[in-house]
PDB file of N, CA and C in Angstrom:
ATOM      1  N   MET A   1      98.805 -92.191  19.194  1.00  0.00           N
ATOM      2  CA  MET A   1      97.926 -91.616  20.181  1.00  0.00           C
ATOM      3  C   MET A   1      96.484 -91.963  19.797  1.00  0.00           C
ATOM      4  N   THR A   2      95.719 -92.380  20.771  1.00  0.00           N
ATOM      5  CA  THR A   2      94.341 -92.774  20.493  1.00  0.00           C
ATOM      6  C   THR A   2      93.451 -91.553  20.283  1.00  0.00           C
ATOM      7  N   GLU A   3      92.294 -91.781  19.700  1.00  0.00           N
ATOM      8  CA  GLU A   3      91.342 -90.690  19.484  1.00  0.00           C
ATOM      9  C   GLU A   3      90.881 -90.098  20.814  1.00  0.00           C
ATOM     10  N   LEU A   4      90.669 -90.953  21.807  1.00  0.00           N
ATOM     11  CA  LEU A   4      90.256 -90.481  23.129  1.00  0.00           C
ATOM     12  C   LEU A   4      91.338 -89.597  23.738  1.00  0.00           C
ATOM     13  N   SER A   5      92.570 -90.009  23.617  1.00  0.00           N
ATOM     14  CA  SER A   5      93.682 -89.231  24.145  1.00  0.00           C
ATOM     15  C   SER A   5      93.756 -87.860  23.470  1.00  0.00           C
ATOM     16  N   MET A   6      93.537 -87.831  22.156  1.00  0.00           N
ATOM     17  CA  MET A   6      93.552 -86.564  21.428  1.00  0.00           C
ATOM     18  C   MET A   6      92.403 -85.667  21.881  1.00  0.00           C
ATOM     19  N   GLU A   7      91.222 -86.240  22.087  1.00  0.00           N
ATOM     20  CA  GLU A   7      90.078 -85.466  22.562  1.00  0.00           C
ATOM     21  C   GLU A   7      90.361 -84.858  23.929  1.00  0.00           C
ATOM     22  N   ARG A   8      90.987 -85.641  24.787  1.00  0.00           N
ATOM     23  CA  ARG A   8      91.303 -85.142  26.131  1.00  0.00           C
ATOM     24  C   ARG A   8      92.353 -84.036  26.068  1.00  0.00           C
ATOM     25  N   ARG A   9      93.371 -84.211  25.253  1.00  0.00           N
ATOM     26  CA  ARG A   9      94.390 -83.170  25.118  1.00  0.00           C
ATOM     27  C   ARG A   9      93.783 -81.890  24.558  1.00  0.00           C
ATOM     28  N   ARG A  10      92.924 -82.038  23.556  1.00  0.00           N
ATOM     29  CA  ARG A  10      92.259 -80.873  22.972  1.00  0.00           C
ATOM     30  C   ARG A  10      91.373 -80.207  24.021  1.00  0.00           C
ATOM     31  N   GLY A  11      90.640 -81.002  24.784  1.00  0.00           N
ATOM     32  CA  GLY A  11      89.781 -80.457  25.836  1.00  0.00           C
ATOM     33  C   GLY A  11      90.561 -79.672  26.867  1.00  0.00           C
ATOM     34  N   ILE A  12      91.692 -80.217  27.276  1.00  0.00           N
ATOM     35  CA  ILE A  12      92.529 -79.530  28.259  1.00  0.00           C
ATOM     36  C   ILE A  12      93.060 -78.219  27.680  1.00  0.00           C
ATOM     37  N   LEU A  13      93.527 -78.258  26.447  1.00  0.00           N
ATOM     38  CA  LEU A  13      94.048 -77.058  25.800  1.00  0.00           C
ATOM     39  C   LEU A  13      92.966 -75.988  25.673  1.00  0.00           C
ATOM     40  N   MET A  14      91.778 -76.372  25.245  1.00  0.00           N
ATOM     41  CA  MET A  14      90.681 -75.411  25.113  1.00  0.00           C
ATOM     42  C   MET A  14      90.296 -74.832  26.473  1.00  0.00           C
ATOM     43  N   TRP A  15      90.289 -75.663  27.500  1.00  0.00           N
ATOM     44  CA  TRP A  15      89.959 -75.195  28.854  1.00  0.00           C
ATOM     45  C   TRP A  15      91.001 -74.184  29.333  1.00  0.00           C
ATOM     46  N   GLU A  16      92.266 -74.504  29.152  1.00  0.00           N
ATOM     47  CA  GLU A  16      93.323 -73.603  29.596  1.00  0.00           C
ATOM     48  C   GLU A  16      93.268 -72.265  28.848  1.00  0.00           C
ATOM     49  N   ALA A  17      93.028 -72.313  27.558  1.00  0.00           N
ATOM     50  CA  ALA A  17      92.941 -71.080  26.765  1.00  0.00           C
ATOM     51  C   ALA A  17      91.737 -70.245  27.187  1.00  0.00           C
ATOM     52  N   SER A  18      90.614 -70.892  27.424  1.00  0.00           N
ATOM     53  CA  SER A  18      89.431 -70.130  27.824  1.00  0.00           C
ATOM     54  C   SER A  18      89.590 -69.541  29.225  1.00  0.00           C
ATOM     55  N   CYS A  19      90.273 -70.251  30.101  1.00  0.00           N
ATOM     56  CA  CYS A  19      90.537 -69.720  31.445  1.00  0.00           C
ATOM     57  C   CYS A  19      91.451 -68.495  31.369  1.00  0.00           C
ATOM     58  N   GLU A  20      92.437 -68.554  30.512  1.00  0.00           N
ATOM     59  CA  GLU A  20      93.338 -67.414  30.337  1.00  0.00           C
ATOM     60  C   GLU A  20      92.564 -66.213  29.801  1.00  0.00           C
ATOM     61  N   ARG A  21      91.703 -66.456  28.841  1.00  0.00           N
ATOM     62  CA  ARG A  21      90.901 -65.358  28.281  1.00  0.00           C
ATOM     63  C   ARG A  21      89.985 -64.767  29.345  1.00  0.00           C
ATOM     64  N   LEU A  22      89.352 -65.612  30.145  1.00  0.00           N
ATOM     65  CA  LEU A  22      88.471 -65.135  31.198  1.00  0.00           C
ATOM     66  C   LEU A  22      89.262 -64.352  32.248  1.00  0.00           C
ATOM     67  N   LYS A  23      90.416 -64.857  32.621  1.00  0.00           N
ATOM     68  CA  LYS A  23      91.255 -64.146  33.591  1.00  0.00           C
ATOM     69  C   LYS A  23      91.600 -62.759  33.081  1.00  0.00           C
ATOM     70  N   ASN A  24      91.976 -62.664  31.818  1.00  0.00           N
ATOM     71  CA  ASN A  24      92.322 -61.366  31.238  1.00  0.00           C
ATOM     72  C   ASN A  24      91.116 -60.447  31.153  1.00  0.00           C
ATOM     73  N   ALA A  25      89.948 -61.012  30.915  1.00  0.00           N
ATOM     74  CA  ALA A  25      88.735 -60.193  30.854  1.00  0.00           C
ATOM     75  C   ALA A  25      88.364 -59.659  32.231  1.00  0.00           C
ATOM     76  N   LEU A  26      88.579 -60.463  33.254  1.00  0.00           N
ATOM     77  CA  LEU A  26      88.215 -60.047  34.608  1.00  0.00           C
ATOM     78  C   LEU A  26      89.266 -59.169  35.261  1.00  0.00           C
ATOM     79  N   HIS A  27      90.533 -59.381  34.907  1.00  0.00           N
ATOM     80  CA  HIS A  27      91.640 -58.634  35.521  1.00  0.00           C
ATOM     81  C   HIS A  27      92.615 -58.214  34.432  1.00  0.00           C
ATOM     82  N   ALA A  28      92.311 -57.109  33.798  1.00  0.00           N
ATOM     83  CA  ALA A  28      93.159 -56.636  32.703  1.00  0.00           C
ATOM     84  C   ALA A  28      94.538 -56.255  33.226  1.00  0.00           C
ATOM     85  N   ALA A  29      95.549 -56.511  32.416  1.00  0.00           N
ATOM     86  CA  ALA A  29      96.913 -56.095  32.754  1.00  0.00           C
ATOM     87  C   ALA A  29      96.944 -54.566  32.834  1.00  0.00           C
ATOM     88  N   PRO A  30      97.881 -54.027  33.612  1.00  0.00           N
ATOM     89  CA  PRO A  30      97.928 -52.569  33.799  1.00  0.00           C
ATOM     90  C   PRO A  30      97.994 -51.770  32.491  1.00  0.00           C
ATOM     91  N   HIS A  31      98.627 -52.307  31.477  1.00  0.00           N
ATOM     92  CA  HIS A  31      98.768 -51.588  30.219  1.00  0.00           C
ATOM     93  C   HIS A  31      97.602 -51.806  29.255  1.00  0.00           C
ATOM     94  N   MET A  32      96.603 -52.570  29.676  1.00  0.00           N
ATOM     95  CA  MET A  32      95.458 -52.888  28.816  1.00  0.00           C
ATOM     96  C   MET A  32      94.192 -52.199  29.345  1.00  0.00           C
ATOM     97  N   PRO A  33      93.296 -51.823  28.442  1.00  0.00           N
ATOM     98  CA  PRO A  33      92.023 -51.262  28.910  1.00  0.00           C
ATOM     99  C   PRO A  33      91.175 -52.371  29.529  1.00  0.00           C
ATOM    100  N   PRO A  34      90.302 -52.023  30.462  1.00  0.00           N
ATOM    101  CA  PRO A  34      89.434 -53.056  31.043  1.00  0.00           C
ATOM    102  C   PRO A  34      88.487 -53.617  29.987  1.00  0.00           C
ATOM    103  N   ALA A  35      88.099 -54.840  30.182  1.00  0.00           N
ATOM    104  CA  ALA A  35      87.174 -55.503  29.254  1.00  0.00           C
ATOM    105  C   ALA A  35      85.787 -54.890  29.393  1.00  0.00           C
ATOM    106  N   THR A  36      85.079 -54.885  28.290  1.00  0.00           N
ATOM    107  CA  THR A  36      83.686 -54.435  28.317  1.00  0.00           C
ATOM    108  C   THR A  36      82.829 -55.552  28.910  1.00  0.00           C
ATOM    109  N   PRO A  37      81.636 -55.222  29.374  1.00  0.00           N
ATOM    110  CA  PRO A  37      80.751 -56.284  29.869  1.00  0.00           C
ATOM    111  C   PRO A  37      80.502 -57.364  28.811  1.00  0.00           C
ATOM    112  N   GLU A  38      80.400 -56.968  27.566  1.00  0.00           N
ATOM    113  CA  GLU A  38      80.182 -57.940  26.489  1.00  0.00           C
ATOM    114  C   GLU A  38      81.370 -58.892  26.346  1.00  0.00           C
ATOM    115  N   GLN A  39      82.574 -58.362  26.516  1.00  0.00           N
ATOM    116  CA  GLN A  39      83.765 -59.211  26.426  1.00  0.00           C
ATOM    117  C   GLN A  39      83.831 -60.191  27.594  1.00  0.00           C
ATOM    118  N   VAL A  40      83.416 -59.753  28.755  1.00  0.00           N
ATOM    119  CA  VAL A  40      83.394 -60.654  29.920  1.00  0.00           C
ATOM    120  C   VAL A  40      82.370 -61.767  29.691  1.00  0.00           C
ATOM    121  N   VAL A  41      81.195 -61.404  29.202  1.00  0.00           N
ATOM    122  CA  VAL A  41      80.152 -62.404  28.930  1.00  0.00           C
ATOM    123  C   VAL A  41      80.632 -63.402  27.880  1.00  0.00           C
ATOM    124  N   GLU A  42      81.303 -62.927  26.837  1.00  0.00           N
ATOM    125  CA  GLU A  42      81.829 -63.822  25.805  1.00  0.00           C
ATOM    126  C   GLU A  42      82.894 -64.758  26.389  1.00  0.00           C
ATOM    127  N   ALA A  43      83.756 -64.239  27.236  1.00  0.00           N
ATOM    128  CA  ALA A  43      84.783 -65.074  27.869  1.00  0.00           C
ATOM    129  C   ALA A  43      84.135 -66.139  28.754  1.00  0.00           C
ATOM    130  N   LEU A  44      83.086 -65.771  29.460  1.00  0.00           N
ATOM    131  CA  LEU A  44      82.360 -66.746  30.282  1.00  0.00           C
ATOM    132  C   LEU A  44      81.707 -67.819  29.416  1.00  0.00           C
ATOM    133  N   ARG A  45      81.125 -67.409  28.293  1.00  0.00           N
ATOM    134  CA  ARG A  45      80.486 -68.364  27.388  1.00  0.00           C
ATOM    135  C   ARG A  45      81.499 -69.367  26.848  1.00  0.00           C
ATOM    136  N   LEU A  46      82.665 -68.859  26.464  1.00  0.00           N
ATOM    137  CA  LEU A  46      83.703 -69.746  25.937  1.00  0.00           C
ATOM    138  C   LEU A  46      84.229 -70.697  27.017  1.00  0.00           C
ATOM    139  N   ALA A  47      84.371 -70.202  28.238  1.00  0.00           N
ATOM    140  CA  ALA A  47      84.826 -71.067  29.332  1.00  0.00           C
ATOM    141  C   ALA A  47      83.796 -72.154  29.615  1.00  0.00           C
ATOM    142  N   ARG A  48      82.528 -71.795  29.590  1.00  0.00           N
ATOM    143  CA  ARG A  48      81.461 -72.782  29.830  1.00  0.00           C
ATOM    144  C   ARG A  48      81.470 -73.857  28.741  1.00  0.00           C
ATOM    145  N   LYS A  49      81.631 -73.420  27.492  1.00  0.00           N
ATOM    146  CA  LYS A  49      81.679 -74.367  26.383  1.00  0.00           C
ATOM    147  C   LYS A  49      82.899 -75.287  26.505  1.00  0.00           C
ATOM    148  N   ALA A  50      84.040 -74.714  26.852  1.00  0.00           N
ATOM    149  CA  ALA A  50      85.256 -75.512  27.001  1.00  0.00           C
ATOM    150  C   ALA A  50      85.112 -76.516  28.136  1.00  0.00           C
ATOM    151  N   LEU A  51      84.483 -76.108  29.228  1.00  0.00           N
ATOM    152  CA  LEU A  51      84.288 -77.023  30.349  1.00  0.00           C
ATOM    153  C   LEU A  51      83.361 -78.169  29.965  1.00  0.00           C
ATOM    154  N   ASP A  52      82.309 -77.869  29.203  1.00  0.00           N
ATOM    155  CA  ASP A  52      81.411 -78.921  28.730  1.00  0.00           C
ATOM    156  C   ASP A  52      82.162 -79.920  27.850  1.00  0.00           C
ATOM    157  N   GLU A  53      83.004 -79.421  26.956  1.00  0.00           N
ATOM    158  CA  GLU A  53      83.789 -80.305  26.085  1.00  0.00           C
ATOM    159  C   GLU A  53      84.777 -81.137  26.894  1.00  0.00           C
ATOM    160  N   LEU A  54      85.372 -80.531  27.899  1.00  0.00           N
ATOM    161  CA  LEU A  54      86.314 -81.256  28.744  1.00  0.00           C
ATOM    162  C   LEU A  54      85.600 -82.360  29.526  1.00  0.00           C
ATOM    163  N   GLU A  55      84.420 -82.051  30.015  1.00  0.00           N
ATOM    164  CA  GLU A  55      83.636 -83.060  30.738  1.00  0.00           C
ATOM    165  C   GLU A  55      83.309 -84.241  29.835  1.00  0.00           C
ATOM    166  N   LEU A  56      82.914 -83.962  28.607  1.00  0.00           N
ATOM    167  CA  LEU A  56      82.620 -85.045  27.665  1.00  0.00           C
ATOM    168  C   LEU A  56      83.855 -85.884  27.356  1.00  0.00           C
ATOM    169  N   ALA A  57      85.002 -85.227  27.230  1.00  0.00           N
ATOM    170  CA  ALA A  57      86.237 -85.944  26.904  1.00  0.00           C
ATOM    171  C   ALA A  57      86.671 -86.886  28.022  1.00  0.00           C
ATOM    172  N   PHE A  58      86.337 -86.531  29.272  1.00  0.00           N
ATOM    173  CA  PHE A  58      86.766 -87.346  30.400  1.00  0.00           C
ATOM    174  C   PHE A  58      85.653 -88.220  30.975  1.00  0.00           C
ATOM    175  N   ALA A  59      84.453 -88.131  30.428  1.00  0.00           N
ATOM    176  CA  ALA A  59      83.344 -88.934  30.926  1.00  0.00           C
ATOM    177  C   ALA A  59      83.603 -90.403  30.642  1.00  0.00           C
ATOM    178  N   PRO A  60      83.192 -91.269  31.545  1.00  0.00           N
ATOM    179  CA  PRO A  60      83.322 -92.701  31.274  1.00  0.00           C
ATOM    180  C   PRO A  60      82.573 -93.053  29.997  1.00  0.00           C
ATOM    181  N   GLU A  61      83.125 -93.979  29.234  1.00  0.00           N
ATOM    182  CA  GLU A  61      82.528 -94.336  27.943  1.00  0.00           C
ATOM    183  C   GLU A  61      81.143 -94.936  28.087  1.00  0.00           C
ATOM    184  N   ASP A  62      80.852 -95.559  29.219  1.00  0.00           N
ATOM    185  CA  ASP A  62      79.550 -96.193  29.391  1.00  0.00           C
ATOM    186  C   ASP A  62      78.534 -95.252  30.019  1.00  0.00           C
ATOM    187  N   ALA A  63      78.841 -93.969  30.182  1.00  0.00           N
ATOM    188  CA  ALA A  63      77.927 -93.003  30.798  1.00  0.00           C
ATOM    189  C   ALA A  63      77.097 -92.318  29.710  1.00  0.00           C
ATOM    190  N   ASP A  64      76.059 -92.989  29.273  1.00  0.00           N
ATOM    191  CA  ASP A  64      75.148 -92.408  28.270  1.00  0.00           C
ATOM    192  C   ASP A  64      73.763 -92.267  28.794  1.00  0.00           C
TER     193      ASP A  64
END
């Protein structure tokens, strides 16, 4: 597997994990307490960071 392929797989995994965390922060399961505003902000920060990493992983190599 190439380094680029690994970066893309890692980016996708990080994006999916951050989306799951954000979903749980915004819509807690019935048996879970609702997220605090700080937890929602942290989940948003992680999702933003993951999206930035995913964008870099899929950006054309000549886009500098």
